[in-house]
C-alpha atoms as a PDB file:
ATOM      1  CA  MET A   1       0.000   0.000   0.000  1.00  0.00           C
ATOM      2  CA  PHE A   2       2.835   2.363   0.849  1.00  0.00           C
ATOM      3  CA  SER A   3       4.407   1.882  -2.582  1.00  0.00           C
ATOM      4  CA  ARG A   4       1.142   2.850  -4.277  1.00  0.00           C
ATOM      5  CA  VAL A   5       1.032   6.038  -2.218  1.00  0.00           C
ATOM      6  CA  ILE A   6       4.546   7.205  -2.995  1.00  0.00           C
ATOM      7  CA  GLY A   7       4.280   6.098  -6.599  1.00  0.00           C
ATOM      8  CA  GLY A   8       2.530   9.429  -7.173  1.00  0.00           C
ATOM      9  CA  ILE A   9       5.225  11.481  -5.463  1.00  0.00           C
ATOM     10  CA  ILE A  10       7.736  13.012  -7.853  1.00  0.00           C
ATOM     11  CA  VAL A  11       9.211  15.717  -5.705  1.00  0.00           C
ATOM     12  CA  PHE A  12      12.232  15.770  -3.498  1.00  0.00           C
ATOM     13  CA  MET A  13      14.696  17.941  -1.668  1.00  0.00           C
ATOM     14  CA  PHE A  14      17.930  19.461  -2.831  1.00  0.00           C
ATOM     15  CA  PHE A  15      20.603  18.634  -0.221  1.00  0.00           C
ATOM     16  CA  SER A  16      24.108  19.268  -1.399  1.00  0.00           C
ATOM     17  CA  GLY A  17      25.200  22.303   0.585  1.00  0.00           C
ATOM     18  CA  SER A  18      24.825  24.457  -2.474  1.00  0.00           C
ATOM     19  CA  VAL A  19      24.208  28.095  -1.867  1.00  0.00           C
ATOM     20  CA  GLY A  20      23.222  30.098  -4.898  1.00  0.00           C
ATOM     21  CA  ALA A  21      24.318  30.479  -8.485  1.00  0.00           C
ATOM     22  CA  GLU A  22      27.620  31.196 -10.225  1.00  0.00           C
ATOM     23  CA  GLU A  23      30.026  33.636  -8.594  1.00  0.00           C
ATOM     24  CA  LYS A  24      29.684  37.062 -10.176  1.00  0.00           C
ATOM     25  CA  VAL A  25      32.165  39.759 -11.211  1.00  0.00           C
ATOM     26  CA  PRO A  26      31.349  43.093  -9.530  1.00  0.00           C
ATOM     27  CA  LYS A  27      29.746  45.613 -11.894  1.00  0.00           C
ATOM     28  CA  ASP A  28      28.453  49.179 -11.630  1.00  0.00           C
ATOM     29  CA  MET A  29      25.685  48.926 -14.242  1.00  0.00           C
ATOM     30  CA  GLY A  30      22.632  46.689 -14.305  1.00  0.00           C
ATOM     31  CA  TYR A  31      19.027  46.675 -15.478  1.00  0.00           C
ATOM     32  CA  VAL A  32      15.509  46.994 -14.117  1.00  0.00           C
ATOM     33  CA  LEU A  33      13.959  43.518 -13.986  1.00  0.00           C
ATOM     34  CA  LYS A  34      10.471  44.354 -12.744  1.00  0.00           C
ATOM     35  CA  VAL A  35       8.496  47.413 -11.665  1.00  0.00           C
ATOM     36  CA  LYS A  36       5.956  46.976  -8.856  1.00  0.00           C
ATOM     37  CA  GLU A  37       3.532  49.452  -7.323  1.00  0.00           C
ATOM     38  CA  ASN A  38       5.938  50.756  -4.679  1.00  0.00           C
ATOM     39  CA  SER A  39       9.247  49.103  -5.486  1.00  0.00           C
ATOM     40  CA  VAL A  40      11.621  48.191  -8.304  1.00  0.00           C
ATOM     41  CA  ILE A  41      13.626  44.951  -8.708  1.00  0.00           C
ATOM     42  CA  VAL A  42      17.088  45.344 -10.274  1.00  0.00           C
ATOM     43  CA  ASP A  43      19.830  42.842 -11.169  1.00  0.00           C
ATOM     44  CA  LEU A  44      22.571  44.619  -9.225  1.00  0.00           C
ATOM     45  CA  THR A  45      23.406  42.506  -6.146  1.00  0.00           C
ATOM     46  CA  ARG A  46      25.514  42.624  -3.042  1.00  0.00           C
ATOM     47  CA  TYR A  47      28.332  41.003  -5.037  1.00  0.00           C
ATOM     48  CA  ASP A  48      28.343  44.177  -7.141  1.00  0.00           C
ATOM     49  CA  GLY A  49      28.849  46.241  -4.009  1.00  0.00           C
ATOM     50  CA  VAL A  50      25.190  47.058  -3.459  1.00  0.00           C
ATOM     51  CA  VAL A  51      24.306  47.653   0.185  1.00  0.00           C
ATOM     52  CA  ALA A  52      21.160  48.828   1.945  1.00  0.00           C
ATOM     53  CA  GLY A  53      20.864  52.588   1.405  1.00  0.00           C
ATOM     54  CA  ALA A  54      22.906  52.651  -1.816  1.00  0.00           C
ATOM     55  CA  ILE A  55      21.688  55.183  -4.387  1.00  0.00           C
ATOM     56  CA  LEU A  56      21.047  54.057  -7.967  1.00  0.00           C
ATOM     57  CA  ASN A  57      20.687  56.346 -10.963  1.00  0.00           C
ATOM     58  CA  VAL A  58      18.111  55.145 -13.482  1.00  0.00           C
ATOM     59  CA  LEU A  59      18.850  55.813 -17.171  1.00  0.00           C
ATOM     60  CA  ARG A  60      17.043  55.023 -20.400  1.00  0.00           C
ATOM     61  CA  ILE A  61      18.546  54.709 -23.878  1.00  0.00           C
ATOM     62  CA  GLU A  62      16.738  57.017 -26.282  1.00  0.00           C
ATOM     63  CA  GLU A  63      17.221  56.943 -30.051  1.00  0.00           C
ATOM     64  CA  VAL A  64      16.680  59.646 -32.688  1.00  0.00           C
ATOM     65  CA  THR A  65      17.427  59.673 -36.384  1.00  0.00           C
ATOM     66  CA  HIS A  66      19.494  62.600 -37.673  1.00  0.00           C
ATOM     67  CA  PRO A  67      17.287  64.437 -40.252  1.00  0.00           C
ATOM     68  CA  VAL A  68      20.229  65.174 -42.567  1.00  0.00           C
ATOM     69  CA  THR A  69      22.634  62.260 -42.316  1.00  0.00           C
ATOM     70  CA  GLY A  70      20.056  59.591 -41.401  1.00  0.00           C
ATOM     71  CA  LYS A  71      22.374  58.312 -38.701  1.00  0.00           C
ATOM     72  CA  VAL A  72      20.724  56.801 -35.607  1.00  0.00           C
ATOM     73  CA  LEU A  73      21.899  58.633 -32.488  1.00  0.00           C
ATOM     74  CA  LYS A  74      21.679  57.079 -29.034  1.00  0.00           C
ATOM     75  CA  SER A  75      22.011  58.640 -25.606  1.00  0.00           C
ATOM     76  CA  LYS A  76      21.430  57.638 -21.977  1.00  0.00           C
ATOM     77  CA  ILE A  77      18.745  59.922 -20.535  1.00  0.00           C
ATOM     78  CA  PRO A  78      18.286  60.235 -16.733  1.00  0.00           C
ATOM     79  CA  VAL A  79      14.912  58.893 -15.601  1.00  0.00           C
ATOM     80  CA  GLY A  80      15.091  59.030 -11.835  1.00  0.00           C
ATOM     81  CA  THR A  81      16.764  57.827  -8.640  1.00  0.00           C
ATOM     82  CA  LEU A  82      16.316  54.715  -6.503  1.00  0.00           C
ATOM     83  CA  GLN A  83      17.483  53.743  -3.037  1.00  0.00           C
ATOM     84  CA  VAL A  84      18.282  50.097  -2.284  1.00  0.00           C
ATOM     85  CA  LYS A  85      16.230  48.639   0.556  1.00  0.00           C
ATOM     86  CA  VAL A  86      16.966  44.908   0.264  1.00  0.00           C
ATOM     87  CA  PRO A  87      20.305  43.887  -1.335  1.00  0.00           C
ATOM     88  CA  GLY A  88      20.204  40.262  -2.495  1.00  0.00           C
ATOM     89  CA  ASP A  89      22.329  37.484  -3.975  1.00  0.00           C
ATOM     90  CA  GLU A  90      20.499  37.360  -7.334  1.00  0.00           C
ATOM     91  CA  PHE A  91      18.663  40.692  -7.409  1.00  0.00           C
ATOM     92  CA  SER A  92      17.929  43.646  -5.140  1.00  0.00           C
ATOM     93  CA  ILE A  93      14.820  45.604  -4.214  1.00  0.00           C
ATOM     94  CA  ALA A  94      14.870  49.419  -4.386  1.00  0.00           C
ATOM     95  CA  VAL A  95      12.335  52.219  -3.907  1.00  0.00           C
ATOM     96  CA  PRO A  96      11.991  55.606  -5.682  1.00  0.00           C
ATOM     97  CA  VAL A  97      13.402  58.658  -3.901  1.00  0.00           C
ATOM     98  CA  GLY A  98      13.044  62.373  -4.514  1.00  0.00           C
ATOM     99  CA  ASN A  99      10.631  63.213  -7.323  1.00  0.00           C
ATOM    100  CA  THR A 100      10.935  59.779  -8.937  1.00  0.00           C
ATOM    101  CA  ARG A 101       7.807  57.632  -9.290  1.00  0.00           C
ATOM    102  CA  THR A 102       7.611  53.958 -10.157  1.00  0.00           C
ATOM    103  CA  ALA A 103       5.473  54.975 -13.148  1.00  0.00           C
ATOM    104  CA  ASP A 104       8.538  56.790 -14.539  1.00  0.00           C
ATOM    105  CA  ILE A 105      10.590  53.576 -14.607  1.00  0.00           C
ATOM    106  CA  HIS A 106      10.327  50.807 -17.203  1.00  0.00           C
ATOM    107  CA  GLU A 107      11.598  47.248 -17.317  1.00  0.00           C
ATOM    108  CA  GLY A 108      14.930  47.232 -19.165  1.00  0.00           C
ATOM    109  CA  ASP A 109      16.017  50.670 -17.922  1.00  0.00           C
ATOM    110  CA  ILE A 110      19.661  50.939 -16.910  1.00  0.00           C
ATOM    111  CA  VAL A 111      20.601  51.310 -13.223  1.00  0.00           C
ATOM    112  CA  MET A 112      24.009  52.514 -12.052  1.00  0.00           C
ATOM    113  CA  LEU A 113      25.544  52.974  -8.631  1.00  0.00           C
ATOM    114  CA  GLN A 114      26.181  56.638  -7.956  1.00  0.00           C
ATOM    115  CA  GLU A 115      29.880  57.381  -8.077  1.00  0.00           C
ATOM    116  CA  ARG A 116      30.310  58.056  -4.367  1.00  0.00           C
ATOM    117  CA  TRP A 117      28.669  54.721  -3.498  1.00  0.00           C
ATOM    118  CA  ALA A 118      30.583  52.820  -6.179  1.00  0.00           C
ATOM    119  CA  ARG A 119      33.936  54.017  -4.819  1.00  0.00           C
ATOM    120  CA  LYS A 120      32.961  53.150  -1.268  1.00  0.00           C
ATOM    121  CA  VAL A 121      31.600  49.668  -1.820  1.00  0.00           C
ATOM    122  CA  LYS A 122      34.203  48.596  -4.403  1.00  0.00           C
ATOM    123  CA  LYS A 123      36.929  49.416  -1.912  1.00  0.00           C
ATOM    124  CA  LYS A 124      35.042  47.388   0.699  1.00  0.00           C
ATOM    125  CA  TYR A 125      34.563  44.472  -1.705  1.00  0.00           C
ATOM    126  CA  ARG A 126      38.242  43.983  -2.577  1.00  0.00           C
ATOM    127  CA  GLY A 127      39.606  41.117  -0.488  1.00  0.00           C
ATOM    128  CA  GLN A 128      36.351  40.758   1.422  1.00  0.00           C
ATOM    129  CA  ALA A 129      35.216  37.291   2.448  1.00  0.00           C
ATOM    130  CA  LYS A 130      31.879  36.179   1.033  1.00  0.00           C
ATOM    131  CA  VAL A 131      29.597  34.891   3.780  1.00  0.00           C
ATOM    132  CA  TYR A 132      26.487  32.780   3.234  1.00  0.00           C
ATOM    133  CA  LYS A 133      23.899  31.628   5.757  1.00  0.00           C
ATOM    134  CA  ARG A 134      21.070  29.205   5.075  1.00  0.00           C
ATOM    135  CA  VAL A 135      18.224  27.495   6.903  1.00  0.00           C
ATOM    136  CA  GLU A 136      16.856  24.386   5.189  1.00  0.00           C
ATOM    137  CA  ILE A 137      14.059  21.888   5.805  1.00  0.00           C
ATOM    138  CA  TRP A 138      13.881  18.766   3.634  1.00  0.00           C
ATOM    139  CA  THR A 139      12.428  15.287   3.461  1.00  0.00           C
ATOM    140  CA  GLU A 140      12.758  12.244   1.199  1.00  0.00           C
ATOM    141  CA  VAL A 141      10.550   9.188   0.783  1.00  0.00           C
ATOM    142  CA  VAL A 142      12.040   5.947  -0.602  1.00  0.00           C
ATOM    143  CA  ASP A 143      10.184   2.736  -1.463  1.00  0.00           C
ATOM    144  CA  TYR A 144      12.075  -0.423  -2.447  1.00  0.00           C
ATOM    145  CA  GLY A 145       8.958  -2.560  -2.863  1.00  0.00           C
ATOM    146  CA  GLU A 146       8.722  -5.595  -0.596  1.00  0.00           C
ATOM    147  CA  ARG A 147      11.192  -7.628   1.450  1.00  0.00           C
ATOM    148  CA  GLU A 148      10.317 -10.651   3.571  1.00  0.00           C
ATOM    149  CA  ASN A 149       6.605 -10.228   2.713  1.00  0.00           C
ATOM    150  CA  ALA A 150       6.494  -6.660   4.043  1.00  0.00           C
ATOM    151  CA  SER A 151       6.947  -3.144   2.657  1.00  0.00           C
ATOM    152  CA  ASP A 152      10.616  -2.114   2.333  1.00  0.00           C
ATOM    153  CA  TRP A 153      10.652   1.673   2.745  1.00  0.00           C
ATOM    154  CA  TYR A 154      11.910   4.647   4.737  1.00  0.00           C
ATOM    155  CA  VAL A 155      11.311   8.361   5.238  1.00  0.00           C
ATOM    156  CA  ARG A 156      14.176  10.681   6.207  1.00  0.00           C
ATOM    157  CA  TYR A 157      13.912  14.362   7.166  1.00  0.00           C
ATOM    158  CA  GLU A 158      16.189  17.112   8.494  1.00  0.00           C
ATOM    159  CA  THR A 159      16.189  20.752   9.539  1.00  0.00           C
ATOM    160  CA  ASP A 160      19.542  22.538   9.613  1.00  0.00           C
ATOM    161  CA  PHE A 161      21.350  25.872   9.732  1.00  0.00           C
ATOM    162  CA  MET A 162      24.531  26.389   7.684  1.00  0.00           C
ATOM    163  CA  TYR A 163      27.204  29.117   7.770  1.00  0.00           C
ATOM    164  CA  LEU A 164      29.784  29.258   4.948  1.00  0.00           C
ATOM    165  CA  GLN A 165      32.634  31.742   4.475  1.00  0.00           C
ATOM    166  CA  VAL A 166      34.689  31.849   1.259  1.00  0.00           C
ATOM    167  CA  LYS A 167      37.815  33.993   0.727  1.00  0.00           C
ATOM    168  CA  GLY A 168      40.307  31.881  -1.224  1.00  0.00           C
ATOM    169  CA  TYR A 169      39.827  29.360   1.584  1.00  0.00           C
ATOM    170  CA  ALA A 170      36.436  27.951   2.562  1.00  0.00           C
ATOM    171  CA  PHE A 171      35.126  27.374   6.073  1.00  0.00           C
ATOM    172  CA  GLY A 172      31.634  26.267   7.034  1.00  0.00           C
ATOM    173  CA  VAL A 173      29.634  24.819   9.891  1.00  0.00           C
ATOM    174  CA  ARG A 174      26.219  23.176   9.879  1.00  0.00           C
ATOM    175  CA  MET A 175      24.005  22.005  12.746  1.00  0.00           C
ATOM    176  CA  GLY A 176      20.570  20.457  12.816  1.00  0.00           C
ATOM    177  CA  ILE A 177      18.185  17.718  13.828  1.00  0.00           C
ATOM    178  CA  GLY A 178      16.615  14.890  11.854  1.00  0.00           C
ATOM    179  CA  GLY A 179      14.993  11.508  11.839  1.00  0.00           C
ATOM    180  CA  LEU A 180      14.566   8.297   9.870  1.00  0.00           C
ATOM    181  CA  ASN A 181      11.523   6.042  10.012  1.00  0.00           C
ATOM    182  CA  GLY A 182      11.056   2.857   8.009  1.00  0.00           C
ATOM    183  CA  GLY A 183      10.510  -0.877   7.941  1.00  0.00           C
ATOM    184  CA  TYR A 184      11.404  -4.018   6.032  1.00  0.00           C
ATOM    185  CA  THR A 185       9.647  -6.942   7.760  1.00  0.00           C
ATOM    186  CA  GLU A 186       6.308  -7.444   9.435  1.00  0.00           C
ATOM    187  CA  THR A 187       7.922  -7.014  12.845  1.00  0.00           C
ATOM    188  CA  ALA A 188      11.050  -4.918  12.201  1.00  0.00           C
ATOM    189  CA  ASN A 189      10.623  -1.143  12.085  1.00  0.00           C
ATOM    190  CA  ILE A 190      13.247   1.583  12.280  1.00  0.00           C
ATOM    191  CA  ASN A 191      12.787   4.778  14.281  1.00  0.00           C
ATOM    192  CA  TYR A 192      15.939   6.874  14.628  1.00  0.00           C
ATOM    193  CA  TYR A 193      15.997  10.504  15.820  1.00  0.00           C
ATOM    194  CA  TYR A 194      19.250  12.466  15.949  1.00  0.00           C
ATOM    195  CA  GLY A 195      21.100  15.753  16.167  1.00  0.00           C
ATOM    196  CA  PHE A 196      24.278  16.501  14.214  1.00  0.00           C
ATOM    197  CA  ALA A 197      27.146  18.944  13.706  1.00  0.00           C
ATOM    198  CA  ASP A 198      29.094  19.380  10.454  1.00  0.00           C
ATOM    199  CA  VAL A 199      32.411  21.126   9.739  1.00  0.00           C
ATOM    200  CA  LYS A 200      33.567  22.063   6.204  1.00  0.00           C
ATOM    201  CA  LEU A 201      37.166  23.070   5.391  1.00  0.00           C
ATOM    202  CA  GLY A 202      39.245  23.606   2.256  1.00  0.00           C
ATOM    203  CA  ILE A 203      39.991  26.063  -0.505  1.00  0.00           C
ATOM    204  CA  GLU A 204      37.297  27.674  -2.622  1.00  0.00           C
ATOM    205  CA  TYR A 205      37.269  24.931  -5.273  1.00  0.00           C
ATOM    206  CA  PHE A 206      38.029  21.886  -3.095  1.00  0.00           C
ATOM    207  CA  THR A 207      36.465  21.249   0.312  1.00  0.00           C
ATOM    208  CA  CYS A 208      36.035  18.371   2.734  1.00  0.00           C
ATOM    209  CA  ALA A 209      33.191  18.078   5.227  1.00  0.00           C
ATOM    210  CA  PHE A 210      32.724  15.802   8.219  1.00  0.00           C
ATOM    211  CA  ALA A 211      29.636  15.392  10.409  1.00  0.00           C
ATOM    212  CA  ILE A 212      28.875  13.419  13.535  1.00  0.00           C
ATOM    213  CA  GLN A 213      25.430  12.351  14.733  1.00  0.00           C
ATOM    214  CA  MET A 214      24.095  11.390  18.143  1.00  0.00           C
ATOM    215  CA  GLY A 215      20.588  10.078  18.576  1.00  0.00           C
ATOM    216  CA  LEU A 216      18.114   7.547  19.868  1.00  0.00           C
ATOM    217  CA  ASN A 217      16.984   4.269  18.281  1.00  0.00           C
ATOM    218  CA  PRO A 218      14.857   1.402  19.661  1.00  0.00           C
ATOM    219  CA  ASP A 219      17.971  -0.076  21.322  1.00  0.00           C
ATOM    220  CA  GLY A 220      18.878   3.227  22.999  1.00  0.00           C
ATOM    221  CA  PHE A 221      21.830   5.528  22.175  1.00  0.00           C
ATOM    222  CA  GLY A 222      23.079   5.596  18.569  1.00  0.00           C
ATOM    223  CA  VAL A 223      25.825   7.412  16.644  1.00  0.00           C
ATOM    224  CA  GLY A 224      26.502   8.137  12.993  1.00  0.00           C
ATOM    225  CA  VAL A 225      29.133   9.799  10.799  1.00  0.00           C
ATOM    226  CA  ASP A 226      28.941  11.565   7.430  1.00  0.00           C
ATOM    227  CA  GLY A 227      31.814  12.638   5.161  1.00  0.00           C
ATOM    228  CA  ARG A 228      31.879  14.534   1.832  1.00  0.00           C
ATOM    229  CA  VAL A 229      34.431  15.862  -0.660  1.00  0.00           C
ATOM    230  CA  THR A 230      33.349  18.667  -3.013  1.00  0.00           C
ATOM    231  CA  ILE A 231      35.305  19.535  -6.170  1.00  0.00           C
ATOM    232  CA  GLY A 232      34.356  22.918  -7.620  1.00  0.00           C
ATOM    233  CA  SER A 233      32.810  26.059  -6.169  1.00  0.00           C
ATOM    234  CA  ASP A 234      29.732  25.735  -3.955  1.00  0.00           C
ATOM    235  CA  LEU A 235      28.449  28.778  -5.862  1.00  0.00           C
ATOM    236  CA  GLY A 236      28.881  27.186  -9.284  1.00  0.00           C
ATOM    237  CA  THR A 237      29.270  23.757 -10.858  1.00  0.00           C
ATOM    238  CA  HIS A 238      30.596  21.168  -8.426  1.00  0.00           C
ATOM    239  CA  LEU A 239      30.894  17.417  -7.885  1.00  0.00           C
ATOM    240  CA  THR A 240      30.273  15.898  -4.447  1.00  0.00           C
ATOM    241  CA  VAL A 241      31.309  12.399  -3.347  1.00  0.00           C
ATOM    242  CA  GLY A 242      30.434  11.249   0.152  1.00  0.00           C
ATOM    243  CA  GLY A 243      29.194   8.575   2.486  1.00  0.00           C
ATOM    244  CA  TYR A 244      27.045   8.095   5.581  1.00  0.00           C
ATOM    245  CA  ILE A 245      26.767   5.347   8.180  1.00  0.00           C
ATOM    246  CA  ALA A 246      24.804   5.140  11.417  1.00  0.00           C
ATOM    247  CA  SER A 247      24.483   2.389  14.001  1.00  0.00           C
ATOM    248  CA  TYR A 248      21.256   0.431  13.792  1.00  0.00           C
ATOM    249  CA  VAL A 249      19.955   2.110  10.595  1.00  0.00           C
ATOM    250  CA  GLY A 250      22.654   1.408   7.947  1.00  0.00           C
ATOM    251  CA  GLY A 251      24.633   3.545   5.515  1.00  0.00           C
ATOM    252  CA  LYS A 252      24.952   4.938   1.997  1.00  0.00           C
ATOM    253  CA  VAL A 253      27.414   6.269  -0.621  1.00  0.00           C
ATOM    254  CA  LEU A 254      26.549   9.355  -2.690  1.00  0.00           C
ATOM    255  CA  ILE A 255      27.803  10.872  -5.974  1.00  0.00           C
ATOM    256  CA  MET A 256      26.194  14.199  -6.948  1.00  0.00           C
ATOM    257  CA  LEU A 257      26.779  16.774  -9.701  1.00  0.00           C
ATOM    258  CA  SER A 258      25.186  20.212  -9.339  1.00  0.00           C
ATOM    259  CA  THR A 259      25.246  23.164 -11.750  1.00  0.00           C
ATOM    260  CA  PRO A 260      23.399  26.498 -12.101  1.00  0.00           C
ATOM    261  CA  LEU A 261      21.224  26.811 -15.220  1.00  0.00           C
ATOM    262  CA  THR A 262      20.262  30.485 -14.802  1.00  0.00           C
ATOM    263  CA  SER A 263      20.302  33.042 -12.006  1.00  0.00           C
ATOM    264  CA  LYS A 264      17.099  31.467 -10.634  1.00  0.00           C
ATOM    265  CA  TRP A 265      17.440  27.785 -11.551  1.00  0.00           C
ATOM    266  CA  ARG A 266      19.915  25.101 -10.477  1.00  0.00           C
ATOM    267  CA  MET A 267      19.914  21.460 -11.624  1.00  0.00           C
ATOM    268  CA  PHE A 268      21.532  18.428  -9.989  1.00  0.00           C
ATOM    269  CA  GLY A 269      21.752  14.686 -10.453  1.00  0.00           C
ATOM    270  CA  GLU A 270      22.814  11.911  -8.101  1.00  0.00           C
ATOM    271  CA  THR A 271      23.549   8.218  -7.765  1.00  0.00           C
ATOM    272  CA  ILE A 272      23.151   6.564  -4.350  1.00  0.00           C
ATOM    273  CA  ALA A 273      24.033   3.075  -3.124  1.00  0.00           C
ATOM    274  CA  GLU A 274      22.649   2.235   0.327  1.00  0.00           C
ATOM    275  CA  ASN A 275      21.487  -0.387   2.767  1.00  0.00           C
ATOM    276  CA  LEU A 276      18.860   1.784   4.412  1.00  0.00           C
ATOM    277  CA  PRO A 277      16.983   0.372   6.245  1.00  0.00           C
ATOM    278  CA  LYS A 278      19.753  -1.906   7.499  1.00  0.00           C
ATOM    279  CA  GLY A 279      19.415  -5.644   7.231  1.00  0.00           C
ATOM    280  CA  GLY A 280      19.253  -6.654   3.581  1.00  0.00           C
ATOM    281  CA  LYS A 281      20.638  -6.203   0.070  1.00  0.00           C
ATOM    282  CA  MET A 282      22.176  -2.958  -1.075  1.00  0.00           C
ATOM    283  CA  GLY A 283      19.815  -0.671  -2.965  1.00  0.00           C
ATOM    284  CA  VAL A 284      20.739   1.744  -5.773  1.00  0.00           C
ATOM    285  CA  ARG A 285      18.888   4.955  -6.644  1.00  0.00           C
ATOM    286  CA  PHE A 286      19.224   7.461  -9.511  1.00  0.00           C
ATOM    287  CA  GLY A 287      17.641  10.910  -9.307  1.00  0.00           C
ATOM    288  CA  VAL A 288      17.568  14.402 -10.820  1.00  0.00           C
ATOM    289  CA  GLY A 289      16.279  17.607  -9.301  1.00  0.00           C
ATOM    290  CA  LEU A 290      15.857  21.357  -9.559  1.00  0.00           C
ATOM    291  CA  GLU A 291      16.159  24.313  -7.207  1.00  0.00           C
ATOM    292  CA  HIS A 292      14.211  27.504  -7.920  1.00  0.00           C
ATOM    293  CA  LEU A 293      14.533  30.877  -6.185  1.00  0.00           C
ATOM    294  CA  PHE A 294      11.066  32.432  -5.877  1.00  0.00           C
ATOM    295  CA  THR A 295      11.774  35.530  -3.794  1.00  0.00           C
ATOM    296  CA  PRO A 296      14.954  37.048  -2.322  1.00  0.00           C
ATOM    297  CA  GLY A 297      16.389  34.341  -0.127  1.00  0.00           C
ATOM    298  CA  VAL A 298      13.572  31.769  -0.435  1.00  0.00           C
ATOM    299  CA  GLY A 299      14.001  28.642  -2.561  1.00  0.00           C
ATOM    300  CA  LEU A 300      12.111  25.439  -3.346  1.00  0.00           C
ATOM    301  CA  MET A 301      14.071  22.253  -4.056  1.00  0.00           C
ATOM    302  CA  ILE A 302      12.438  19.251  -5.748  1.00  0.00           C
ATOM    303  CA  LYS A 303      13.743  15.897  -6.901  1.00  0.00           C
ATOM    304  CA  ALA A 304      12.441  12.685  -8.479  1.00  0.00           C
ATOM    305  CA  GLY A 305      14.072   9.376  -9.267  1.00  0.00           C
ATOM    306  CA  ALA A 306      13.850   5.604  -9.187  1.00  0.00           C
ATOM    307  CA  GLY A 307      15.694   2.799  -7.458  1.00  0.00           C
ATOM    308  CA  GLY A 308      15.632  -0.796  -6.367  1.00  0.00           C
ATOM    309  CA  ARG A 309      17.465  -3.616  -4.634  1.00  0.00           C
ATOM    310  CA  THR A 310      17.287  -5.716  -7.804  1.00  0.00           C
ATOM    311  CA  SER A 311      16.557  -4.908 -11.450  1.00  0.00           C
ATOM    312  CA  GLU A 312      13.320  -6.911 -11.112  1.00  0.00           C
ATOM    313  CA  MET A 313      11.753  -4.418  -8.712  1.00  0.00           C
ATOM    314  CA  VAL A 314      12.407  -0.706  -9.413  1.00  0.00           C
ATOM    315  CA  ARG A 315      10.258   1.902  -7.675  1.00  0.00           C
ATOM    316  CA  PRO A 316       9.997   5.704  -7.734  1.00  0.00           C
ATOM    317  CA  TYR A 317      11.159   7.919  -4.877  1.00  0.00           C
ATOM    318  CA  GLY A 318      11.003  11.616  -4.228  1.00  0.00           C
ATOM    319  CA  GLY A 319      10.790  14.453  -1.747  1.00  0.00           C
ATOM    320  CA  LEU A 320      10.758  18.175  -1.129  1.00  0.00           C
ATOM    321  CA  GLY A 321      12.845  20.887   0.511  1.00  0.00           C
ATOM    322  CA  VAL A 322      12.567  24.583   1.338  1.00  0.00           C
ATOM    323  CA  SER A 323      15.492  26.899   2.088  1.00  0.00           C
ATOM    324  CA  ILE A 324      15.972  30.480   3.269  1.00  0.00           C
ATOM    325  CA  ASN A 325      19.303  32.026   2.232  1.00  0.00           C
ATOM    326  CA  PHE A 326      20.552  35.243   3.832  1.00  0.00           C
END
């Protein structure tokens, strides 16, 4: 019955420690992405030196045809002024100041940091460490069919907070709580609840992470360990290879490739070999997923895939995750 229920689930979480899209080169000029009733969204970000309170000049390219020569002449015409209220990783939110109205601004208009702000923030940016913080909640549901005349399945879920600092080197910490519930015989069920701490060290394009778990299972106290190696920038395309093992519940090996598609979309794929729940044949799963940024700092991660313990019985799996990046 359980397999019929999750057969309709095709969503999953994104859990790779990824935090945003490709690293950006600081720039002074950007564009208006969207005009709302009381605010304007622009593609200048905090990586470009934008901070809360920064002043942006809004310009529009106007064209006229010379009546004698026929040459098309172009010029940047001032439209108004904006003040940044919410600087973001992918875009920022600004509001009109002075005599400027949102009705005066159009999508596609040019925005530029005023010179005094550009000098100040560019100086601050040089050599500055990039810091990322994220809260994430995710869950995954896996069904391997039947084993010993009973459903062979598990559900795993976690909530965590991550801090990552990158400045040539990379340093990060992650802490959270989670659980795993499942079963594989008529009488054997797994209930494991744990807390964990994770440390990540390395250079910007090569990092190693190690986590330790402590929790409770039906036999009492249980421990687990998790290790990962990431090749490539967490902000861009990267490959992650890792493993996990916990007393009483089993373990797994993971290979994952993640890459940004656009400023708002990230795609990843993974292969997992595991004996979760513990006590039988190894299972293998293959999955792909997407992460989408809906609003500044809020993302939805989904994933779908299939797996089995033998090629004769392959079932779908999936899950869902939500993150807040700040």
